Amino acid sequence: MADVDEALRLIKAAKSSLNDQTGNTNRDLSKASQIFDIIRQLQDSATDNELAIEDIRRRVIGRGFTEDEMWSTIKEYDEYGVWFTSGENTRLTFVEMDDLSDMDID
């Protein structure tokens, strides 16, 4: 049942990110989603799809979240295949959609 709840939360979060331009207020306000939004904003302003974990940590903690909450979110979205960490957890790299096009999905 927890997997179903998590899937529904992710669908809601995805829909809310699509509705950002229309001002829809049905946003997922979980800590993980808020931290994901912070990291996504950092990535949007980056020149490539890789971020320094230290930059993420400063921004997330500056917004009032803990380092444990940040790592929990990083692990969660790593498991979903959104990004991965490298360099002994010093870098976070977003998976690009082009990387997924080569995958066989049945």
C-alpha atoms as a PDB file:
ATOM      1  CA  MET A   1       0.000   0.000   0.000  1.00  0.00           C
ATOM      2  CA  ALA A   2       2.917   2.349   0.716  1.00  0.00           C
ATOM      3  CA  ASP A   3       4.105   1.937  -2.882  1.00  0.00           C
ATOM      4  CA  VAL A   4       0.696   2.998  -4.167  1.00  0.00           C
ATOM      5  CA  ASP A   5       0.695   6.043  -1.887  1.00  0.00           C
ATOM      6  CA  GLU A   6       4.183   6.984  -3.065  1.00  0.00           C
ATOM      7  CA  ALA A   7       3.182   6.558  -6.713  1.00  0.00           C
ATOM      8  CA  LEU A   8       0.174   8.812  -6.174  1.00  0.00           C
ATOM      9  CA  ARG A   9       2.381  11.405  -4.442  1.00  0.00           C
ATOM     10  CA  LEU A  10       4.805  11.374  -7.378  1.00  0.00           C
ATOM     11  CA  ILE A  11       1.998  11.720  -9.906  1.00  0.00           C
ATOM     12  CA  LYS A  12       0.630  14.676  -7.967  1.00  0.00           C
ATOM     13  CA  ALA A  13       4.093  16.247  -7.815  1.00  0.00           C
ATOM     14  CA  ALA A  14       4.592  15.740 -11.555  1.00  0.00           C
ATOM     15  CA  LYS A  15       1.223  17.299 -12.336  1.00  0.00           C
ATOM     16  CA  SER A  16       1.928  20.255 -10.100  1.00  0.00           C
ATOM     17  CA  SER A  17       5.261  20.902 -11.794  1.00  0.00           C
ATOM     18  CA  LEU A  18       3.474  20.921 -15.153  1.00  0.00           C
ATOM     19  CA  ASN A  19       0.947  23.408 -13.787  1.00  0.00           C
ATOM     20  CA  ASP A  20       3.581  25.825 -12.424  1.00  0.00           C
ATOM     21  CA  GLN A  21       2.990  28.232 -15.287  1.00  0.00           C
ATOM     22  CA  THR A  22      -0.759  28.367 -14.660  1.00  0.00           C
ATOM     23  CA  GLY A  23      -0.431  29.136 -10.959  1.00  0.00           C
ATOM     24  CA  ASN A  24      -2.157  25.942  -9.800  1.00  0.00           C
ATOM     25  CA  THR A  25      -1.896  25.682  -6.003  1.00  0.00           C
ATOM     26  CA  ASN A  26      -2.401  21.904  -5.699  1.00  0.00           C
ATOM     27  CA  ARG A  27       1.310  21.441  -5.059  1.00  0.00           C
ATOM     28  CA  ASP A  28       2.802  18.559  -3.126  1.00  0.00           C
ATOM     29  CA  LEU A  29       4.231  20.192  -0.009  1.00  0.00           C
ATOM     30  CA  SER A  30       6.157  17.213   1.393  1.00  0.00           C
ATOM     31  CA  LYS A  31       9.697  17.953   2.499  1.00  0.00           C
ATOM     32  CA  ALA A  32      11.093  15.641  -0.180  1.00  0.00           C
ATOM     33  CA  SER A  33       9.201  17.491  -2.909  1.00  0.00           C
ATOM     34  CA  GLN A  34      10.249  20.882  -1.573  1.00  0.00           C
ATOM     35  CA  ILE A  35      13.899  19.810  -1.472  1.00  0.00           C
ATOM     36  CA  PHE A  36      13.575  18.325  -4.966  1.00  0.00           C
ATOM     37  CA  ASP A  37      12.257  21.693  -6.173  1.00  0.00           C
ATOM     38  CA  ILE A  38      15.274  23.460  -4.654  1.00  0.00           C
ATOM     39  CA  ILE A  39      17.660  21.052  -6.381  1.00  0.00           C
ATOM     40  CA  ARG A  40      15.769  21.331  -9.673  1.00  0.00           C
ATOM     41  CA  GLN A  41      15.997  25.124  -9.517  1.00  0.00           C
ATOM     42  CA  LEU A  42      19.750  24.850  -8.997  1.00  0.00           C
ATOM     43  CA  GLN A  43      19.976  22.512 -11.983  1.00  0.00           C
ATOM     44  CA  ASP A  44      17.893  24.858 -14.134  1.00  0.00           C
ATOM     45  CA  SER A  45      20.438  27.626 -13.573  1.00  0.00           C
ATOM     46  CA  ALA A  46      23.471  25.351 -14.056  1.00  0.00           C
ATOM     47  CA  THR A  47      25.441  25.139 -17.283  1.00  0.00           C
ATOM     48  CA  ASP A  48      25.291  21.338 -17.341  1.00  0.00           C
ATOM     49  CA  ASN A  49      23.366  18.551 -15.642  1.00  0.00           C
ATOM     50  CA  GLU A  50      25.823  18.128 -12.750  1.00  0.00           C
ATOM     51  CA  LEU A  51      25.774  19.906  -9.384  1.00  0.00           C
ATOM     52  CA  ALA A  52      28.149  19.959  -6.433  1.00  0.00           C
ATOM     53  CA  ILE A  53      26.559  18.379  -3.360  1.00  0.00           C
ATOM     54  CA  GLU A  54      28.092  21.183  -1.262  1.00  0.00           C
ATOM     55  CA  ASP A  55      26.164  23.802  -3.293  1.00  0.00           C
ATOM     56  CA  ILE A  56      22.971  21.795  -2.817  1.00  0.00           C
ATOM     57  CA  ARG A  57      23.646  21.417   0.905  1.00  0.00           C
ATOM     58  CA  ARG A  58      24.141  25.164   1.396  1.00  0.00           C
ATOM     59  CA  ARG A  59      20.920  26.005  -0.450  1.00  0.00           C
ATOM     60  CA  VAL A  60      18.812  23.309   1.241  1.00  0.00           C
ATOM     61  CA  ILE A  61      20.029  24.139   4.750  1.00  0.00           C
ATOM     62  CA  GLY A  62      19.623  27.848   3.986  1.00  0.00           C
ATOM     63  CA  ARG A  63      15.956  27.145   3.283  1.00  0.00           C
ATOM     64  CA  GLY A  64      15.470  25.562   6.697  1.00  0.00           C
ATOM     65  CA  PHE A  65      15.835  21.857   5.951  1.00  0.00           C
ATOM     66  CA  THR A  66      18.305  19.493   7.617  1.00  0.00           C
ATOM     67  CA  GLU A  67      21.185  17.672   5.999  1.00  0.00           C
ATOM     68  CA  ASP A  68      19.477  14.359   6.830  1.00  0.00           C
ATOM     69  CA  GLU A  69      16.356  15.491   4.941  1.00  0.00           C
ATOM     70  CA  MET A  70      18.544  16.490   1.987  1.00  0.00           C
ATOM     71  CA  TRP A  71      20.283  13.091   1.876  1.00  0.00           C
ATOM     72  CA  SER A  72      16.975  11.277   2.263  1.00  0.00           C
ATOM     73  CA  THR A  73      15.606  13.183  -0.744  1.00  0.00           C
ATOM     74  CA  ILE A  74      18.757  12.571  -2.787  1.00  0.00           C
ATOM     75  CA  LYS A  75      18.539   8.842  -2.030  1.00  0.00           C
ATOM     76  CA  GLU A  76      14.808   8.725  -2.818  1.00  0.00           C
ATOM     77  CA  TYR A  77      15.132  10.352  -6.226  1.00  0.00           C
ATOM     78  CA  ASP A  78      18.292   8.356  -6.969  1.00  0.00           C
ATOM     79  CA  GLU A  79      16.180   5.214  -6.529  1.00  0.00           C
ATOM     80  CA  TYR A  80      13.640   6.647  -8.987  1.00  0.00           C
ATOM     81  CA  GLY A  81      16.384   7.155 -11.564  1.00  0.00           C
ATOM     82  CA  VAL A  82      16.049  10.960 -11.660  1.00  0.00           C
ATOM     83  CA  TRP A  83      19.719  11.475 -10.809  1.00  0.00           C
ATOM     84  CA  PHE A  84      22.746   9.710  -9.386  1.00  0.00           C
ATOM     85  CA  THR A  85      25.649  10.708  -7.185  1.00  0.00           C
ATOM     86  CA  SER A  86      29.313  10.325  -8.063  1.00  0.00           C
ATOM     87  CA  GLY A  87      32.720  11.297  -6.786  1.00  0.00           C
ATOM     88  CA  GLU A  88      32.138   9.717  -3.382  1.00  0.00           C
ATOM     89  CA  ASN A  89      28.844  11.597  -3.033  1.00  0.00           C
ATOM     90  CA  THR A  90      30.343  14.984  -3.932  1.00  0.00           C
ATOM     91  CA  ARG A  91      28.481  15.412  -7.252  1.00  0.00           C
ATOM     92  CA  LEU A  92      24.854  14.949  -8.274  1.00  0.00           C
ATOM     93  CA  THR A  93      24.120  14.294 -11.947  1.00  0.00           C
ATOM     94  CA  PHE A  94      20.646  14.481 -13.460  1.00  0.00           C
ATOM     95  CA  VAL A  95      19.706  11.699 -15.867  1.00  0.00           C
ATOM     96  CA  GLU A  96      18.879  13.253 -19.220  1.00  0.00           C
ATOM     97  CA  MET A  97      15.869  12.099 -21.189  1.00  0.00           C
ATOM     98  CA  ASP A  98      18.169  11.236 -24.111  1.00  0.00           C
ATOM     99  CA  ASP A  99      19.864   8.702 -21.828  1.00  0.00           C
ATOM    100  CA  LEU A 100      16.507   6.968 -21.332  1.00  0.00           C
ATOM    101  CA  SER A 101      15.625   6.702 -25.032  1.00  0.00           C
ATOM    102  CA  ASP A 102      18.087   3.843 -25.486  1.00  0.00           C
ATOM    103  CA  MET A 103      16.369   1.747 -22.817  1.00  0.00           C
ATOM    104  CA  ASP A 104      14.102  -1.123 -23.793  1.00  0.00           C
ATOM    105  CA  ILE A 105      10.808  -0.643 -21.996  1.00  0.00           C
ATOM    106  CA  ASP A 106       8.130  -3.278 -22.518  1.00  0.00           C
END
